[in-house]
């Protein structure tokens, strides 16, 4: 049988290029979602959704109810995008700062989902236990973050990356082993598939085609990196 074309590859490329805010969040979301038991009627919090392309993937491909929460993108702007796609009944846009708590009832969500955002607020021991309170017992947590494929030699930034490295990346870019060790400390979580994602290179290649000025700035960084250091880390777990 022929292998079906990924949902992302069949999507309107111009739309995706205009709405990316980093490595292609729809592509990353599609790979990570394949590890979750998503089905119509489930309630999903897409935390740090950006311009909503991960939320669109979840709603259109899996038929779930999505709460698209972001700190930087105005919910009115995301609402217009969702309405234009006929998804206003499936996706609820919200303004949320995860560091200040979530405006939901405990146990409200079947799945907490996050693509390319958790590294900004989740590198401490308190964030995951706090977020788990909003997931139903038996529900799932799935996070994808940019990271490192291995610890930097001697803990030093390699010379080829120094022109692009900013201090906050020391905290945000971590290895799979580092993230796994952090999540293993959370009470009430059974770890699921924690892995380096297959779509790393394609997700970055998609982003580097974007007209976004930040994408243009990332081109020389990725040329210098040359596939030696970066990773996409997937973390999945189930609330028990």
Protein backbone atom coordinates (compact mmCIF):
# COMPACT_ATOMS: atom_id res chain seq x y z
CA UNK A 1 0.00 0.00 0.00
CA UNK A 2 1.22 3.53 -0.71
CA UNK A 3 2.39 5.55 2.29
CA UNK A 4 -0.10 8.38 2.92
CA UNK A 5 1.18 11.93 2.50
CA UNK A 6 1.63 13.65 5.86
CA UNK A 7 -1.10 16.17 6.62
CA UNK A 8 1.53 18.92 6.86
CA UNK A 9 2.99 18.24 3.42
CA UNK A 10 -0.46 18.57 1.84
CA UNK A 11 -1.22 21.84 3.64
CA UNK A 12 -1.17 25.33 2.09
CA UNK A 13 2.57 26.03 2.18
CA UNK A 14 2.23 29.79 1.79
CA UNK A 15 -0.08 29.91 4.82
CA UNK A 16 2.38 27.90 6.90
CA UNK A 17 5.36 30.02 5.89
CA UNK A 18 3.47 33.16 6.91
CA UNK A 19 2.43 31.79 10.30
CA UNK A 20 5.54 29.95 11.50
CA UNK A 21 7.38 31.40 14.48
CA UNK A 22 10.17 28.81 14.49
CA UNK A 23 10.73 25.29 13.13
CA UNK A 24 7.46 24.21 11.51
CA UNK A 25 5.10 23.72 14.45
CA UNK A 26 2.51 21.90 12.34
CA UNK A 27 5.05 19.30 11.25
CA UNK A 28 6.31 18.87 14.83
CA UNK A 29 2.75 18.66 16.16
CA UNK A 30 1.81 16.01 13.61
CA UNK A 31 4.72 13.75 14.55
CA UNK A 32 4.15 14.14 18.29
CA UNK A 33 0.38 13.67 17.98
CA UNK A 34 1.00 10.24 16.43
CA UNK A 35 2.06 9.08 19.92
CA UNK A 36 -1.21 10.16 21.54
CA UNK A 37 -4.68 8.54 21.58
CA UNK A 38 -6.39 11.58 20.05
CA UNK A 39 -10.01 11.29 18.93
CA UNK A 40 -13.01 13.49 18.31
CA UNK A 41 -14.49 15.01 21.44
CA UNK A 42 -11.30 15.23 23.51
CA UNK A 43 -10.39 18.57 25.06
CA UNK A 44 -6.81 19.71 24.36
CA UNK A 45 -4.87 22.68 25.72
CA UNK A 46 -2.31 23.83 23.16
CA UNK A 47 -0.06 25.85 25.44
CA UNK A 48 2.17 28.38 23.68
CA UNK A 49 0.36 27.92 20.36
CA UNK A 50 1.90 30.94 18.61
CA UNK A 51 -0.12 31.76 15.50
CA UNK A 52 -2.06 28.55 15.93
CA UNK A 53 -0.78 26.14 13.30
CA UNK A 54 -0.35 23.35 15.86
CA UNK A 55 -3.93 24.00 17.03
CA UNK A 56 -5.16 23.87 13.44
CA UNK A 57 -3.46 20.50 12.94
CA UNK A 58 -5.06 19.08 16.08
CA UNK A 59 -8.53 20.35 15.17
CA UNK A 60 -8.54 19.47 11.49
CA UNK A 61 -6.77 16.12 11.55
CA UNK A 62 -8.10 14.70 14.82
CA UNK A 63 -11.37 16.55 15.42
CA UNK A 64 -10.50 17.50 19.00
CA UNK A 65 -11.65 20.64 20.84
CA UNK A 66 -8.59 22.89 21.18
CA UNK A 67 -7.93 25.75 23.58
CA UNK A 68 -5.19 27.72 21.79
CA UNK A 69 -3.31 29.65 24.48
CA UNK A 70 -0.41 32.02 23.93
CA UNK A 71 1.33 34.88 25.68
CA UNK A 72 2.67 36.76 22.67
CA UNK A 73 -0.01 36.47 19.97
CA UNK A 74 -3.29 38.29 20.54
CA UNK A 75 -6.29 35.95 20.72
CA UNK A 76 -8.20 38.28 18.37
CA UNK A 77 -5.59 37.69 15.66
CA UNK A 78 -5.72 33.94 16.15
CA UNK A 79 -9.51 34.03 16.20
CA UNK A 80 -9.55 35.61 12.74
CA UNK A 81 -7.25 32.88 11.44
CA UNK A 82 -9.41 30.12 12.89
CA UNK A 83 -12.63 31.69 11.61
CA UNK A 84 -11.19 31.96 8.09
CA UNK A 85 -10.65 28.19 8.19
CA UNK A 86 -14.12 27.47 9.57
CA UNK A 87 -12.67 26.33 12.91
CA UNK A 88 -14.26 28.88 15.23
CA UNK A 89 -16.36 26.15 16.89
CA UNK A 90 -13.37 23.85 17.43
CA UNK A 91 -10.61 26.21 18.56
CA UNK A 92 -10.91 28.71 21.42
CA UNK A 93 -8.17 31.40 21.33
CA UNK A 94 -6.87 32.66 24.69
CA UNK A 95 -4.20 34.90 26.19
CA UNK A 96 -2.35 32.91 28.86
CA UNK A 97 0.90 33.36 30.81
CA UNK A 98 1.80 29.89 32.08
CA UNK A 99 4.08 31.35 34.75
CA UNK A 100 1.08 33.03 36.39
CA UNK A 101 -1.22 30.01 36.49
CA UNK A 102 -3.90 28.75 34.13
CA UNK A 103 -7.50 30.04 34.13
CA UNK A 104 -9.11 26.61 34.03
CA UNK A 105 -10.66 24.11 36.41
CA UNK A 106 -8.44 21.32 37.64
CA UNK A 107 -8.80 18.16 35.59
CA UNK A 108 -10.33 20.09 32.68
CA UNK A 109 -8.20 18.73 29.82
CA UNK A 110 -7.71 15.31 28.30
CA UNK A 111 -4.39 16.40 26.79
CA UNK A 112 -1.93 19.19 27.49
CA UNK A 113 0.09 19.81 24.33
CA UNK A 114 2.93 22.25 23.67
CA UNK A 115 5.23 22.83 20.69
CA UNK A 116 8.33 25.06 20.83
CA UNK A 117 7.23 26.98 23.92
CA UNK A 118 7.77 24.90 27.05
CA UNK A 119 11.50 25.64 27.13
CA UNK A 120 10.68 29.28 27.96
CA UNK A 121 8.89 28.48 31.21
CA UNK A 122 9.26 24.79 32.05
CA UNK A 123 12.92 24.25 32.95
CA UNK A 124 12.18 24.24 36.69
CA UNK A 125 10.87 21.54 39.03
CA UNK A 126 7.55 23.24 39.81
CA UNK A 127 6.02 23.89 36.38
CA UNK A 128 5.12 20.33 35.35
CA UNK A 129 3.46 19.35 38.68
CA UNK A 130 1.42 22.55 38.50
CA UNK A 131 0.30 21.88 34.93
CA UNK A 132 -0.62 18.27 35.69
CA UNK A 133 -3.40 19.54 37.97
CA UNK A 134 -5.28 20.69 34.87
CA UNK A 135 -5.11 17.26 33.19
CA UNK A 136 -7.66 14.55 33.93
CA UNK A 137 -6.41 11.38 35.62
CA UNK A 138 -5.43 9.13 32.75
CA UNK A 139 -4.92 12.15 30.49
CA UNK A 140 -1.75 12.92 28.61
CA UNK A 141 0.95 15.58 28.49
CA UNK A 142 3.04 16.03 25.33
CA UNK A 143 5.76 18.62 24.83
CA UNK A 144 8.22 19.24 22.00
CA UNK A 145 11.13 21.61 22.51
CA UNK A 146 14.29 22.50 20.61
CA UNK A 147 17.35 21.12 22.34
CA UNK A 148 20.80 19.64 22.05
CA UNK A 149 21.65 16.21 20.68
CA UNK A 150 24.50 15.98 23.21
CA UNK A 151 26.07 18.04 25.94
CA UNK A 152 28.36 20.74 24.59
CA UNK A 153 32.03 19.71 24.91
CA UNK A 154 33.35 20.93 28.23
CA UNK A 155 30.13 22.86 28.71
CA UNK A 156 31.43 25.50 26.30
CA UNK A 157 29.60 26.87 23.28
CA UNK A 158 31.46 25.71 20.14
CA UNK A 159 33.22 28.52 18.26
CA UNK A 160 30.97 28.16 15.21
CA UNK A 161 27.86 28.79 17.34
CA UNK A 162 29.18 31.64 19.50
CA UNK A 163 28.10 34.44 17.10
CA UNK A 164 24.49 33.24 17.43
CA UNK A 165 24.36 32.11 21.06
CA UNK A 166 22.56 34.30 23.60
CA UNK A 167 22.72 33.69 27.39
CA UNK A 168 19.13 32.42 27.78
CA UNK A 169 19.90 29.49 25.47
CA UNK A 170 22.05 28.03 28.26
CA UNK A 171 18.80 27.33 30.12
CA UNK A 172 16.47 26.68 27.17
CA UNK A 173 18.53 24.30 25.02
CA UNK A 174 18.87 21.02 26.94
CA UNK A 175 19.43 17.39 26.01
CA UNK A 176 16.84 14.64 26.01
CA UNK A 177 18.57 13.10 29.05
CA UNK A 178 18.33 16.40 30.95
CA UNK A 179 14.63 16.80 30.22
CA UNK A 180 13.87 13.17 31.05
CA UNK A 181 15.61 13.52 34.43
CA UNK A 182 13.55 16.64 35.19
CA UNK A 183 10.23 14.97 34.29
CA UNK A 184 11.08 11.85 36.27
CA UNK A 185 10.91 13.99 39.40
CA UNK A 186 7.22 14.90 38.88
CA UNK A 187 4.79 13.04 41.12
CA UNK A 188 1.68 11.76 39.40
CA UNK A 189 3.28 11.33 35.99
CA UNK A 190 4.01 8.08 34.17
CA UNK A 191 6.58 8.78 31.48
CA UNK A 192 5.71 7.78 27.94
CA UNK A 193 7.71 8.13 24.71
CA UNK A 194 10.61 10.55 25.33
CA UNK A 195 12.76 10.74 22.23
CA UNK A 196 14.57 12.84 19.68
CA UNK A 197 12.12 13.65 16.90
CA UNK A 198 12.54 12.52 13.32
CA UNK A 199 11.30 15.77 11.76
CA UNK A 200 14.15 17.96 13.07
CA UNK A 201 15.82 18.76 9.75
CA UNK A 202 12.62 19.14 7.74
CA UNK A 203 10.97 21.35 10.38
CA UNK A 204 14.01 23.64 10.38
CA UNK A 205 14.20 23.63 6.57
CA UNK A 206 10.55 24.70 6.41
CA UNK A 207 11.23 27.57 8.82
CA UNK A 208 14.26 28.79 6.86
CA UNK A 209 12.00 29.26 3.83
CA UNK A 210 9.76 31.64 5.78
CA UNK A 211 9.83 35.38 5.03
CA UNK A 212 9.88 36.02 8.79
CA UNK A 213 12.94 38.22 9.58
CA UNK A 214 13.89 35.87 12.42
CA UNK A 215 14.03 33.00 9.93
CA UNK A 216 16.39 35.01 7.74
CA UNK A 217 18.62 35.57 10.76
CA UNK A 218 18.62 31.83 11.54
CA UNK A 219 19.96 30.82 8.11
CA UNK A 220 23.66 31.44 8.91
CA UNK A 221 23.24 29.84 12.35
CA UNK A 222 21.93 26.61 10.84
CA UNK A 223 24.66 26.63 8.21
CA UNK A 224 27.23 26.92 11.00
CA UNK A 225 25.52 24.24 13.12
CA UNK A 226 25.72 21.79 10.23
CA UNK A 227 23.62 19.08 11.88
CA UNK A 228 26.11 18.58 14.72
CA UNK A 229 24.39 19.94 17.82
CA UNK A 230 20.65 20.63 17.62
CA UNK A 231 17.77 18.30 18.35
CA UNK A 232 14.01 18.31 18.79
CA UNK A 233 13.11 16.71 22.10
CA UNK A 234 9.72 15.02 22.57
CA UNK A 235 8.44 14.39 26.09
CA UNK A 236 5.22 12.47 26.68
CA UNK A 237 3.58 11.25 29.84
CA UNK A 238 0.28 10.23 31.40
CA UNK A 239 -1.25 11.57 34.58
CA UNK A 240 -1.83 8.80 37.12
